[in-house]
Amino acid sequence: HDPDRIYGFRFGTLEIKFTVSGEFLTVCFAEPIA
């Protein structure tokens, strides 16, 4: 539950990164994996 941490995972051929603060998840990166 660290609001300053950037989490990430692969979704198909994309790399997704996000943060979570309270009840809000904000995407901060979505790019094809090189």
PDB file of all heavy atoms in Angstrom:
ATOM      1  N   HIS A   1       0.831  -1.214   0.000  1.00  0.00           N
ATOM      2  CA  HIS A   1       0.000   0.000   0.000  1.00  0.00           C
ATOM      3  C   HIS A   1       0.863   1.261   0.000  1.00  0.00           C
ATOM      4  O   HIS A   1       0.534   2.236   0.655  1.00  0.00           O
ATOM      5  CB  HIS A   1      -0.918   0.002   1.226  1.00  0.00           C
ATOM      6  CG  HIS A   1      -1.862  -1.150   1.254  1.00  0.00           C
ATOM      7  ND1 HIS A   1      -2.971  -1.218   0.444  1.00  0.00           N
ATOM      8  CD2 HIS A   1      -1.851  -2.289   1.963  1.00  0.00           C
ATOM      9  CE1 HIS A   1      -3.599  -2.351   0.664  1.00  0.00           C
ATOM     10  NE2 HIS A   1      -2.940  -3.026   1.582  1.00  0.00           N
ATOM     11  N   ASP A   2       1.965   1.241  -0.724  1.00  0.00           N
ATOM     12  CA  ASP A   2       2.871   2.385  -0.773  1.00  0.00           C
ATOM     13  C   ASP A   2       2.436   3.326  -1.889  1.00  0.00           C
ATOM     14  O   ASP A   2       2.593   3.010  -3.074  1.00  0.00           O
ATOM     15  CB  ASP A   2       4.299   1.889  -1.008  1.00  0.00           C
ATOM     16  CG  ASP A   2       5.323   3.011  -1.037  1.00  0.00           C
ATOM     17  OD1 ASP A   2       4.931   4.192  -0.973  1.00  0.00           O
ATOM     18  OD2 ASP A   2       6.521   2.699  -1.128  1.00  0.00           O
ATOM     19  N   PRO A   3       1.875   4.513  -1.562  1.00  0.00           N
ATOM     20  CA  PRO A   3       1.390   5.423  -2.613  1.00  0.00           C
ATOM     21  C   PRO A   3       2.504   6.005  -3.476  1.00  0.00           C
ATOM     22  O   PRO A   3       2.239   6.527  -4.555  1.00  0.00           O
ATOM     23  CB  PRO A   3       0.661   6.528  -1.828  1.00  0.00           C
ATOM     24  CG  PRO A   3       1.238   6.465  -0.459  1.00  0.00           C
ATOM     25  CD  PRO A   3       1.654   5.043  -0.219  1.00  0.00           C
ATOM     26  N   ASP A   4       3.768   5.905  -3.029  1.00  0.00           N
ATOM     27  CA  ASP A   4       4.882   6.432  -3.812  1.00  0.00           C
ATOM     28  C   ASP A   4       5.511   5.392  -4.727  1.00  0.00           C
ATOM     29  O   ASP A   4       6.362   5.720  -5.550  1.00  0.00           O
ATOM     30  CB  ASP A   4       5.966   6.989  -2.875  1.00  0.00           C
ATOM     31  CG  ASP A   4       5.452   8.153  -2.053  1.00  0.00           C
ATOM     32  OD1 ASP A   4       4.653   8.958  -2.585  1.00  0.00           O
ATOM     33  OD2 ASP A   4       5.813   8.242  -0.865  1.00  0.00           O
ATOM     34  N   ARG A   5       5.101   4.151  -4.586  1.00  0.00           N
ATOM     35  CA  ARG A   5       5.693   3.074  -5.383  1.00  0.00           C
ATOM     36  C   ARG A   5       5.066   3.018  -6.766  1.00  0.00           C
ATOM     37  O   ARG A   5       3.855   3.195  -6.926  1.00  0.00           O
ATOM     38  CB  ARG A   5       5.497   1.737  -4.680  1.00  0.00           C
ATOM     39  CG  ARG A   5       6.119   0.587  -5.432  1.00  0.00           C
ATOM     40  CD  ARG A   5       6.081  -0.675  -4.638  1.00  0.00           C
ATOM     41  NE  ARG A   5       6.632  -1.770  -5.419  1.00  0.00           N
ATOM     42  CZ  ARG A   5       6.815  -2.980  -4.977  1.00  0.00           C
ATOM     43  NH1 ARG A   5       6.501  -3.281  -3.743  1.00  0.00           N
ATOM     44  NH2 ARG A   5       7.302  -3.913  -5.755  1.00  0.00           N
ATOM     45  N   ILE A   6       5.880   2.748  -7.763  1.00  0.00           N
ATOM     46  CA  ILE A   6       5.385   2.514  -9.125  1.00  0.00           C
ATOM     47  C   ILE A   6       5.385   1.008  -9.343  1.00  0.00           C
ATOM     48  O   ILE A   6       6.421   0.345  -9.250  1.00  0.00           O
ATOM     49  CB  ILE A   6       6.257   3.229 -10.172  1.00  0.00           C
ATOM     50  CG1 ILE A   6       6.170   4.744  -9.967  1.00  0.00           C
ATOM     51  CG2 ILE A   6       5.810   2.833 -11.587  1.00  0.00           C
ATOM     52  CD1 ILE A   6       7.072   5.551 -10.884  1.00  0.00           C
ATOM     53  N   TYR A   7       4.205   0.465  -9.595  1.00  0.00           N
ATOM     54  CA  TYR A   7       4.022  -0.963  -9.836  1.00  0.00           C
ATOM     55  C   TYR A   7       3.997  -1.187 -11.341  1.00  0.00           C
ATOM     56  O   TYR A   7       3.695  -0.277 -12.117  1.00  0.00           O
ATOM     57  CB  TYR A   7       2.706  -1.447  -9.223  1.00  0.00           C
ATOM     58  CG  TYR A   7       2.623  -1.214  -7.737  1.00  0.00           C
ATOM     59  CD1 TYR A   7       2.091  -0.044  -7.226  1.00  0.00           C
ATOM     60  CD2 TYR A   7       3.099  -2.166  -6.849  1.00  0.00           C
ATOM     61  CE1 TYR A   7       2.016   0.176  -5.860  1.00  0.00           C
ATOM     62  CE2 TYR A   7       3.031  -1.965  -5.480  1.00  0.00           C
ATOM     63  CZ  TYR A   7       2.490  -0.785  -4.993  1.00  0.00           C
ATOM     64  OH  TYR A   7       2.425  -0.580  -3.647  1.00  0.00           O
ATOM     65  N   GLY A   8       4.265  -2.399 -11.776  1.00  0.00           N
ATOM     66  CA  GLY A   8       4.224  -2.674 -13.198  1.00  0.00           C
ATOM     67  C   GLY A   8       4.035  -4.145 -13.494  1.00  0.00           C
ATOM     68  O   GLY A   8       4.239  -5.005 -12.635  1.00  0.00           O
ATOM     69  N   PHE A   9       3.602  -4.420 -14.715  1.00  0.00           N
ATOM     70  CA  PHE A   9       3.445  -5.793 -15.189  1.00  0.00           C
ATOM     71  C   PHE A   9       3.351  -5.767 -16.708  1.00  0.00           C
ATOM     72  O   PHE A   9       3.168  -4.715 -17.320  1.00  0.00           O
ATOM     73  CB  PHE A   9       2.201  -6.458 -14.577  1.00  0.00           C
ATOM     74  CG  PHE A   9       0.896  -5.812 -14.951  1.00  0.00           C
ATOM     75  CD1 PHE A   9       0.137  -6.291 -16.014  1.00  0.00           C
ATOM     76  CD2 PHE A   9       0.407  -4.738 -14.230  1.00  0.00           C
ATOM     77  CE1 PHE A   9      -1.073  -5.698 -16.350  1.00  0.00           C
ATOM     78  CE2 PHE A   9      -0.802  -4.142 -14.555  1.00  0.00           C
ATOM     79  CZ  PHE A   9      -1.545  -4.624 -15.622  1.00  0.00           C
ATOM     80  N   ARG A  10       3.503  -6.934 -17.297  1.00  0.00           N
ATOM     81  CA  ARG A  10       3.332  -7.082 -18.748  1.00  0.00           C
ATOM     82  C   ARG A  10       1.895  -7.472 -19.030  1.00  0.00           C
ATOM     83  O   ARG A  10       1.321  -8.324 -18.353  1.00  0.00           O
ATOM     84  CB  ARG A  10       4.272  -8.134 -19.298  1.00  0.00           C
ATOM     85  CG  ARG A  10       5.698  -7.691 -19.278  1.00  0.00           C
ATOM     86  CD  ARG A  10       6.593  -8.705 -19.928  1.00  0.00           C
ATOM     87  NE  ARG A  10       7.930  -8.147 -20.037  1.00  0.00           N
ATOM     88  CZ  ARG A  10       8.839  -8.582 -20.864  1.00  0.00           C
ATOM     89  NH1 ARG A  10       8.578  -9.594 -21.661  1.00  0.00           N
ATOM     90  NH2 ARG A  10      10.024  -8.028 -20.904  1.00  0.00           N
ATOM     91  N   PHE A  11       1.330  -6.851 -20.022  1.00  0.00           N
ATOM     92  CA  PHE A  11      -0.026  -7.161 -20.470  1.00  0.00           C
ATOM     93  C   PHE A  11       0.070  -7.406 -21.963  1.00  0.00           C
ATOM     94  O   PHE A  11       0.165  -6.466 -22.755  1.00  0.00           O
ATOM     95  CB  PHE A  11      -0.979  -6.002 -20.147  1.00  0.00           C
ATOM     96  CG  PHE A  11      -2.410  -6.277 -20.494  1.00  0.00           C
ATOM     97  CD1 PHE A  11      -3.191  -7.080 -19.676  1.00  0.00           C
ATOM     98  CD2 PHE A  11      -2.983  -5.729 -21.630  1.00  0.00           C
ATOM     99  CE1 PHE A  11      -4.520  -7.328 -19.983  1.00  0.00           C
ATOM    100  CE2 PHE A  11      -4.311  -5.976 -21.949  1.00  0.00           C
ATOM    101  CZ  PHE A  11      -5.077  -6.770 -21.123  1.00  0.00           C
ATOM    102  N   GLY A  12       0.104  -8.675 -22.359  1.00  0.00           N
ATOM    103  CA  GLY A  12       0.328  -8.996 -23.770  1.00  0.00           C
ATOM    104  C   GLY A  12       1.699  -8.502 -24.178  1.00  0.00           C
ATOM    105  O   GLY A  12       2.713  -8.845 -23.567  1.00  0.00           O
ATOM    106  N   THR A  13       1.748  -7.636 -25.176  1.00  0.00           N
ATOM    107  CA  THR A  13       3.015  -7.091 -25.647  1.00  0.00           C
ATOM    108  C   THR A  13       3.285  -5.693 -25.089  1.00  0.00           C
ATOM    109  O   THR A  13       4.128  -4.971 -25.598  1.00  0.00           O
ATOM    110  CB  THR A  13       3.029  -7.028 -27.188  1.00  0.00           C
ATOM    111  OG1 THR A  13       1.954  -6.188 -27.624  1.00  0.00           O
ATOM    112  CG2 THR A  13       2.894  -8.421 -27.791  1.00  0.00           C
ATOM    113  N   LEU A  14       2.548  -5.309 -24.042  1.00  0.00           N
ATOM    114  CA  LEU A  14       2.692  -3.983 -23.447  1.00  0.00           C
ATOM    115  C   LEU A  14       3.325  -4.055 -22.069  1.00  0.00           C
ATOM    116  O   LEU A  14       3.135  -5.026 -21.330  1.00  0.00           O
ATOM    117  CB  LEU A  14       1.317  -3.317 -23.298  1.00  0.00           C
ATOM    118  CG  LEU A  14       0.512  -3.091 -24.565  1.00  0.00           C
ATOM    119  CD1 LEU A  14      -0.907  -2.708 -24.222  1.00  0.00           C
ATOM    120  CD2 LEU A  14       1.165  -2.001 -25.400  1.00  0.00           C
ATOM    121  N   GLU A  15       4.045  -3.016 -21.710  1.00  0.00           N
ATOM    122  CA  GLU A  15       4.492  -2.842 -20.338  1.00  0.00           C
ATOM    123  C   GLU A  15       3.606  -1.763 -19.729  1.00  0.00           C
ATOM    124  O   GLU A  15       3.475  -0.667 -20.276  1.00  0.00           O
ATOM    125  CB  GLU A  15       5.962  -2.414 -20.280  1.00  0.00           C
ATOM    126  CG  GLU A  15       6.457  -2.262 -18.856  1.00  0.00           C
ATOM    127  CD  GLU A  15       7.932  -1.914 -18.780  1.00  0.00           C
ATOM    128  OE1 GLU A  15       8.595  -1.841 -19.830  1.00  0.00           O
ATOM    129  OE2 GLU A  15       8.406  -1.709 -17.664  1.00  0.00           O
ATOM    130  N   ILE A  16       2.983  -2.087 -18.604  1.00  0.00           N
ATOM    131  CA  ILE A  16       2.068  -1.170 -17.925  1.00  0.00           C
ATOM    132  C   ILE A  16       2.675  -0.808 -16.576  1.00  0.00           C
ATOM    133  O   ILE A  16       3.131  -1.684 -15.841  1.00  0.00           O
ATOM    134  CB  ILE A  16       0.681  -1.822 -17.700  1.00  0.00           C
ATOM    135  CG1 ILE A  16       0.100  -2.361 -19.012  1.00  0.00           C
ATOM    136  CG2 ILE A  16      -0.267  -0.846 -17.023  1.00  0.00           C
ATOM    137  CD1 ILE A  16      -0.151  -1.324 -20.082  1.00  0.00           C
ATOM    138  N   LYS A  17       2.678   0.476 -16.230  1.00  0.00           N
ATOM    139  CA  LYS A  17       3.134   0.930 -14.920  1.00  0.00           C
ATOM    140  C   LYS A  17       2.053   1.826 -14.331  1.00  0.00           C
ATOM    141  O   LYS A  17       1.373   2.563 -15.056  1.00  0.00           O
ATOM    142  CB  LYS A  17       4.460   1.664 -15.022  1.00  0.00           C
ATOM    143  CG  LYS A  17       5.591   0.739 -15.445  1.00  0.00           C
ATOM    144  CD  LYS A  17       6.923   1.418 -15.399  1.00  0.00           C
ATOM    145  CE  LYS A  17       8.014   0.427 -15.808  1.00  0.00           C
ATOM    146  NZ  LYS A  17       9.335   1.018 -15.796  1.00  0.00           N
ATOM    147  N   PHE A  18       1.914   1.766 -12.990  1.00  0.00           N
ATOM    148  CA  PHE A  18       0.844   2.514 -12.340  1.00  0.00           C
ATOM    149  C   PHE A  18       1.191   2.784 -10.886  1.00  0.00           C
ATOM    150  O   PHE A  18       2.079   2.156 -10.317  1.00  0.00           O
ATOM    151  CB  PHE A  18      -0.477   1.749 -12.436  1.00  0.00           C
ATOM    152  CG  PHE A  18      -0.455   0.413 -11.748  1.00  0.00           C
ATOM    153  CD1 PHE A  18      -0.874   0.274 -10.425  1.00  0.00           C
ATOM    154  CD2 PHE A  18       0.002  -0.719 -12.412  1.00  0.00           C
ATOM    155  CE1 PHE A  18      -0.845  -0.956  -9.790  1.00  0.00           C
ATOM    156  CE2 PHE A  18       0.027  -1.955 -11.781  1.00  0.00           C
ATOM    157  CZ  PHE A  18      -0.390  -2.075 -10.470  1.00  0.00           C
ATOM    158  N   THR A  19       0.479   3.735 -10.319  1.00  0.00           N
ATOM    159  CA  THR A  19       0.563   4.021  -8.890  1.00  0.00           C
ATOM    160  C   THR A  19      -0.839   3.860  -8.310  1.00  0.00           C
ATOM    161  O   THR A  19      -1.840   3.916  -9.044  1.00  0.00           O
ATOM    162  CB  THR A  19       1.071   5.445  -8.612  1.00  0.00           C
ATOM    163  OG1 THR A  19       0.165   6.378  -9.198  1.00  0.00           O
ATOM    164  CG2 THR A  19       2.467   5.664  -9.171  1.00  0.00           C
ATOM    165  N   VAL A  20      -0.911   3.671  -6.996  1.00  0.00           N
ATOM    166  CA  VAL A  20      -2.197   3.570  -6.319  1.00  0.00           C
ATOM    167  C   VAL A  20      -2.149   4.466  -5.096  1.00  0.00           C
ATOM    168  O   VAL A  20      -1.241   4.362  -4.273  1.00  0.00           O
ATOM    169  CB  VAL A  20      -2.531   2.130  -5.900  1.00  0.00           C
ATOM    170  CG1 VAL A  20      -3.868   2.076  -5.171  1.00  0.00           C
ATOM    171  CG2 VAL A  20      -2.553   1.210  -7.111  1.00  0.00           C
ATOM    172  N   SER A  21      -3.134   5.342  -5.003  1.00  0.00           N
ATOM    173  CA  SER A  21      -3.277   6.208  -3.834  1.00  0.00           C
ATOM    174  C   SER A  21      -4.725   6.113  -3.389  1.00  0.00           C
ATOM    175  O   SER A  21      -5.640   6.498  -4.134  1.00  0.00           O
ATOM    176  CB  SER A  21      -2.908   7.648  -4.182  1.00  0.00           C
ATOM    177  OG  SER A  21      -3.027   8.466  -3.037  1.00  0.00           O
ATOM    178  N   GLY A  22      -4.924   5.565  -2.199  1.00  0.00           N
ATOM    179  CA  GLY A  22      -6.288   5.375  -1.721  1.00  0.00           C
ATOM    180  C   GLY A  22      -7.035   4.424  -2.636  1.00  0.00           C
ATOM    181  O   GLY A  22      -6.577   3.314  -2.902  1.00  0.00           O
ATOM    182  N   GLU A  23      -8.158   4.863  -3.152  1.00  0.00           N
ATOM    183  CA  GLU A  23      -8.984   4.032  -4.027  1.00  0.00           C
ATOM    184  C   GLU A  23      -8.776   4.345  -5.511  1.00  0.00           C
ATOM    185  O   GLU A  23      -9.575   3.936  -6.349  1.00  0.00           O
ATOM    186  CB  GLU A  23     -10.465   4.192  -3.660  1.00  0.00           C
ATOM    187  CG  GLU A  23     -10.797   3.677  -2.273  1.00  0.00           C
ATOM    188  CD  GLU A  23     -10.476   2.193  -2.111  1.00  0.00           C
ATOM    189  OE1 GLU A  23     -10.931   1.390  -2.946  1.00  0.00           O
ATOM    190  OE2 GLU A  23      -9.759   1.841  -1.161  1.00  0.00           O
ATOM    191  N   PHE A  24      -7.702   5.077  -5.832  1.00  0.00           N
ATOM    192  CA  PHE A  24      -7.451   5.468  -7.215  1.00  0.00           C
ATOM    193  C   PHE A  24      -6.161   4.846  -7.735  1.00  0.00           C
ATOM    194  O   PHE A  24      -5.093   4.991  -7.135  1.00  0.00           O
ATOM    195  CB  PHE A  24      -7.368   6.997  -7.343  1.00  0.00           C
ATOM    196  CG  PHE A  24      -8.671   7.669  -7.095  1.00  0.00           C
ATOM    197  CD1 PHE A  24      -9.033   8.061  -5.815  1.00  0.00           C
ATOM    198  CD2 PHE A  24      -9.556   7.883  -8.137  1.00  0.00           C
ATOM    199  CE1 PHE A  24     -10.249   8.666  -5.580  1.00  0.00           C
ATOM    200  CE2 PHE A  24     -10.769   8.492  -7.919  1.00  0.00           C
ATOM    201  CZ  PHE A  24     -11.123   8.881  -6.631  1.00  0.00           C
ATOM    202  N   LEU A  25      -6.250   4.159  -8.860  1.00  0.00           N
ATOM    203  CA  LEU A  25      -5.100   3.609  -9.566  1.00  0.00           C
ATOM    204  C   LEU A  25      -4.873   4.494 -10.783  1.00  0.00           C
ATOM    205  O   LEU A  25      -5.793   4.695 -11.584  1.00  0.00           O
ATOM    206  CB  LEU A  25      -5.371   2.169 -10.001  1.00  0.00           C
ATOM    207  CG  LEU A  25      -4.247   1.469 -10.761  1.00  0.00           C
ATOM    208  CD1 LEU A  25      -4.281  -0.024 -10.465  1.00  0.00           C
ATOM    209  CD2 LEU A  25      -4.317   1.699 -12.258  1.00  0.00           C
ATOM    210  N   THR A  26      -3.674   5.045 -10.910  1.00  0.00           N
ATOM    211  CA  THR A  26      -3.351   5.936 -12.025  1.00  0.00           C
ATOM    212  C   THR A  26      -2.268   5.314 -12.886  1.00  0.00           C
ATOM    213  O   THR A  26      -1.170   4.997 -12.402  1.00  0.00           O
ATOM    214  CB  THR A  26      -2.877   7.307 -11.508  1.00  0.00           C
ATOM    215  OG1 THR A  26      -3.896   7.860 -10.671  1.00  0.00           O
ATOM    216  CG2 THR A  26      -2.602   8.258 -12.663  1.00  0.00           C
ATOM    217  N   VAL A  27      -2.565   5.123 -14.159  1.00  0.00           N
ATOM    218  CA  VAL A  27      -1.587   4.590 -15.103  1.00  0.00           C
ATOM    219  C   VAL A  27      -0.581   5.690 -15.406  1.00  0.00           C
ATOM    220  O   VAL A  27      -0.953   6.820 -15.723  1.00  0.00           O
ATOM    221  CB  VAL A  27      -2.275   4.099 -16.392  1.00  0.00           C
ATOM    222  CG1 VAL A  27      -1.236   3.662 -17.423  1.00  0.00           C
ATOM    223  CG2 VAL A  27      -3.242   2.966 -16.076  1.00  0.00           C
ATOM    224  N   CYS A  28       0.718   5.362 -15.292  1.00  0.00           N
ATOM    225  CA  CYS A  28       1.761   6.352 -15.557  1.00  0.00           C
ATOM    226  C   CYS A  28       2.686   5.922 -16.696  1.00  0.00           C
ATOM    227  O   CYS A  28       3.654   6.628 -17.000  1.00  0.00           O
ATOM    228  CB  CYS A  28       2.552   6.658 -14.290  1.00  0.00           C
ATOM    229  SG  CYS A  28       3.299   5.248 -13.490  1.00  0.00           S
ATOM    230  N   PHE A  29       2.371   4.774 -17.329  1.00  0.00           N
ATOM    231  CA  PHE A  29       3.197   4.314 -18.446  1.00  0.00           C
ATOM    232  C   PHE A  29       2.476   3.166 -19.136  1.00  0.00           C
ATOM    233  O   PHE A  29       1.950   2.283 -18.474  1.00  0.00           O
ATOM    234  CB  PHE A  29       4.559   3.831 -17.930  1.00  0.00           C
ATOM    235  CG  PHE A  29       5.526   3.435 -19.005  1.00  0.00           C
ATOM    236  CD1 PHE A  29       6.310   4.377 -19.633  1.00  0.00           C
ATOM    237  CD2 PHE A  29       5.665   2.104 -19.373  1.00  0.00           C
ATOM    238  CE1 PHE A  29       7.227   4.006 -20.620  1.00  0.00           C
ATOM    239  CE2 PHE A  29       6.565   1.724 -20.357  1.00  0.00           C
ATOM    240  CZ  PHE A  29       7.355   2.689 -20.979  1.00  0.00           C
ATOM    241  N   ALA A  30       2.422   3.198 -20.443  1.00  0.00           N
ATOM    242  CA  ALA A  30       1.854   2.096 -21.234  1.00  0.00           C
ATOM    243  C   ALA A  30       2.544   2.136 -22.593  1.00  0.00           C
ATOM    244  O   ALA A  30       2.252   2.993 -23.415  1.00  0.00           O
ATOM    245  CB  ALA A  30       0.344   2.260 -21.390  1.00  0.00           C
ATOM    246  N   GLU A  31       3.468   1.217 -22.791  1.00  0.00           N
ATOM    247  CA  GLU A  31       4.260   1.188 -24.029  1.00  0.00           C
ATOM    248  C   GLU A  31       4.444  -0.241 -24.497  1.00  0.00           C
ATOM    249  O   GLU A  31       4.534  -1.157 -23.666  1.00  0.00           O
ATOM    250  CB  GLU A  31       5.640   1.796 -23.788  1.00  0.00           C
ATOM    251  CG  GLU A  31       5.672   3.279 -23.563  1.00  0.00           C
ATOM    252  CD  GLU A  31       5.554   4.086 -24.856  1.00  0.00           C
ATOM    253  OE1 GLU A  31       5.694   3.500 -25.944  1.00  0.00           O
ATOM    254  OE2 GLU A  31       5.311   5.292 -24.746  1.00  0.00           O
ATOM    255  N   PRO A  32       4.562  -0.456 -25.806  1.00  0.00           N
ATOM    256  CA  PRO A  32       4.926  -1.776 -26.305  1.00  0.00           C
ATOM    257  C   PRO A  32       6.302  -2.168 -25.770  1.00  0.00           C
ATOM    258  O   PRO A  32       7.184  -1.321 -25.603  1.00  0.00           O
ATOM    259  CB  PRO A  32       4.957  -1.610 -27.811  1.00  0.00           C
ATOM    260  CG  PRO A  32       4.112  -0.411 -28.087  1.00  0.00           C
ATOM    261  CD  PRO A  32       4.287   0.486 -26.894  1.00  0.00           C
ATOM    262  N   ILE A  33       6.478  -3.438 -25.497  1.00  0.00           N
ATOM    263  CA  ILE A  33       7.761  -3.947 -25.027  1.00  0.00           C
ATOM    264  C   ILE A  33       8.698  -4.022 -26.212  1.00  0.00           C
ATOM    265  O   ILE A  33       8.361  -4.585 -27.257  1.00  0.00           O
ATOM    266  CB  ILE A  33       7.583  -5.331 -24.376  1.00  0.00           C
ATOM    267  CG1 ILE A  33       6.672  -5.210 -23.160  1.00  0.00           C
ATOM    268  CG2 ILE A  33       8.939  -5.925 -23.990  1.00  0.00           C
ATOM    269  CD1 ILE A  33       6.199  -6.532 -22.603  1.00  0.00           C
ATOM    270  N   ALA A  34       9.854  -3.423 -26.039  1.00  0.00           N
ATOM    271  CA  ALA A  34      10.817  -3.356 -27.152  1.00  0.00           C
ATOM    272  C   ALA A  34      11.458  -4.710 -27.393  1.00  0.00           C
ATOM    273  O   ALA A  34      11.641  -5.522 -26.593  1.00  0.00           O
ATOM    274  CB  ALA A  34      11.886  -2.322 -26.866  1.00  0.00           C
TER     275      ALA A  34
END
